Amino acid sequence: MEIWSILIIIVLVFAVRWIKFVKMNTDKQIKQNEEIIALLKDLNEKKQG
């Protein structure tokens, strides 16, 4: 019974680390998308300008 408890804890630790990793990458991707949108807006303004 004790080995199952240890396995569950290990799985939970890895799951939490994976979720944190995915969240960090999502935040980076959102920031990159915002920068791309800003650059495209600037480019569009210069083109029309």
C-alpha atoms as a PDB file:
ATOM      1  CA  MET A   1       0.000   0.000   0.000  1.00  0.00           C
ATOM      2  CA  GLU A   2       2.839   2.400   0.804  1.00  0.00           C
ATOM      3  CA  ILE A   3       4.392   2.062  -2.644  1.00  0.00           C
ATOM      4  CA  TRP A   4       1.138   3.265  -4.229  1.00  0.00           C
ATOM      5  CA  SER A   5       1.182   6.384  -2.059  1.00  0.00           C
ATOM      6  CA  ILE A   6       4.741   7.143  -3.152  1.00  0.00           C
ATOM      7  CA  LEU A   7       3.847   6.582  -6.817  1.00  0.00           C
ATOM      8  CA  ILE A   8       0.817   8.871  -6.552  1.00  0.00           C
ATOM      9  CA  ILE A   9       2.953  11.611  -4.984  1.00  0.00           C
ATOM     10  CA  ILE A  10       5.584  11.256  -7.724  1.00  0.00           C
ATOM     11  CA  VAL A  11       2.931  11.429 -10.460  1.00  0.00           C
ATOM     12  CA  LEU A  12       1.377  14.506  -8.844  1.00  0.00           C
ATOM     13  CA  VAL A  13       4.761  16.254  -8.608  1.00  0.00           C
ATOM     14  CA  PHE A  14       5.469  15.600 -12.286  1.00  0.00           C
ATOM     15  CA  ALA A  15       1.954  16.736 -13.251  1.00  0.00           C
ATOM     16  CA  VAL A  16       2.342  20.009 -11.353  1.00  0.00           C
ATOM     17  CA  ARG A  17       5.774  20.631 -12.928  1.00  0.00           C
ATOM     18  CA  TRP A  18       4.376  19.913 -16.395  1.00  0.00           C
ATOM     19  CA  ILE A  19       1.433  22.288 -15.861  1.00  0.00           C
ATOM     20  CA  LYS A  20       3.836  25.003 -14.675  1.00  0.00           C
ATOM     21  CA  PHE A  21       6.032  24.435 -17.752  1.00  0.00           C
ATOM     22  CA  VAL A  22       3.039  24.677 -20.099  1.00  0.00           C
ATOM     23  CA  LYS A  23       1.836  27.855 -18.336  1.00  0.00           C
ATOM     24  CA  MET A  24       5.262  29.496 -18.677  1.00  0.00           C
ATOM     25  CA  ASN A  25       5.419  28.664 -22.383  1.00  0.00           C
ATOM     26  CA  THR A  26       1.876  29.948 -22.905  1.00  0.00           C
ATOM     27  CA  ASP A  27       2.775  33.248 -21.232  1.00  0.00           C
ATOM     28  CA  LYS A  28       5.853  33.567 -23.477  1.00  0.00           C
ATOM     29  CA  GLN A  29       3.804  32.837 -26.564  1.00  0.00           C
ATOM     30  CA  ILE A  30       1.177  35.436 -25.615  1.00  0.00           C
ATOM     31  CA  LYS A  31       3.904  38.061 -25.157  1.00  0.00           C
ATOM     32  CA  GLN A  32       5.455  37.153 -28.524  1.00  0.00           C
ATOM     33  CA  ASN A  33       2.055  37.378 -30.230  1.00  0.00           C
ATOM     34  CA  GLU A  34       1.469  40.819 -28.727  1.00  0.00           C
ATOM     35  CA  GLU A  35       4.878  41.975 -30.011  1.00  0.00           C
ATOM     36  CA  ILE A  36       4.134  40.608 -33.489  1.00  0.00           C
ATOM     37  CA  ILE A  37       0.773  42.391 -33.551  1.00  0.00           C
ATOM     38  CA  ALA A  38       2.417  45.673 -32.523  1.00  0.00           C
ATOM     39  CA  LEU A  39       5.044  45.313 -35.269  1.00  0.00           C
ATOM     40  CA  LEU A  40       2.398  44.513 -37.873  1.00  0.00           C
ATOM     41  CA  LYS A  41       0.361  47.562 -36.812  1.00  0.00           C
ATOM     42  CA  ASP A  42       3.461  49.767 -37.130  1.00  0.00           C
ATOM     43  CA  LEU A  43       4.220  48.297 -40.545  1.00  0.00           C
ATOM     44  CA  ASN A  44       0.642  48.858 -41.663  1.00  0.00           C
ATOM     45  CA  GLU A  45       0.694  52.478 -40.452  1.00  0.00           C
ATOM     46  CA  LYS A  46       3.964  53.156 -42.290  1.00  0.00           C
ATOM     47  CA  LYS A  47       2.573  51.574 -45.440  1.00  0.00           C
ATOM     48  CA  GLN A  48      -0.554  53.740 -45.326  1.00  0.00           C
ATOM     49  CA  GLY A  49       1.270  56.812 -44.090  1.00  0.00           C
END
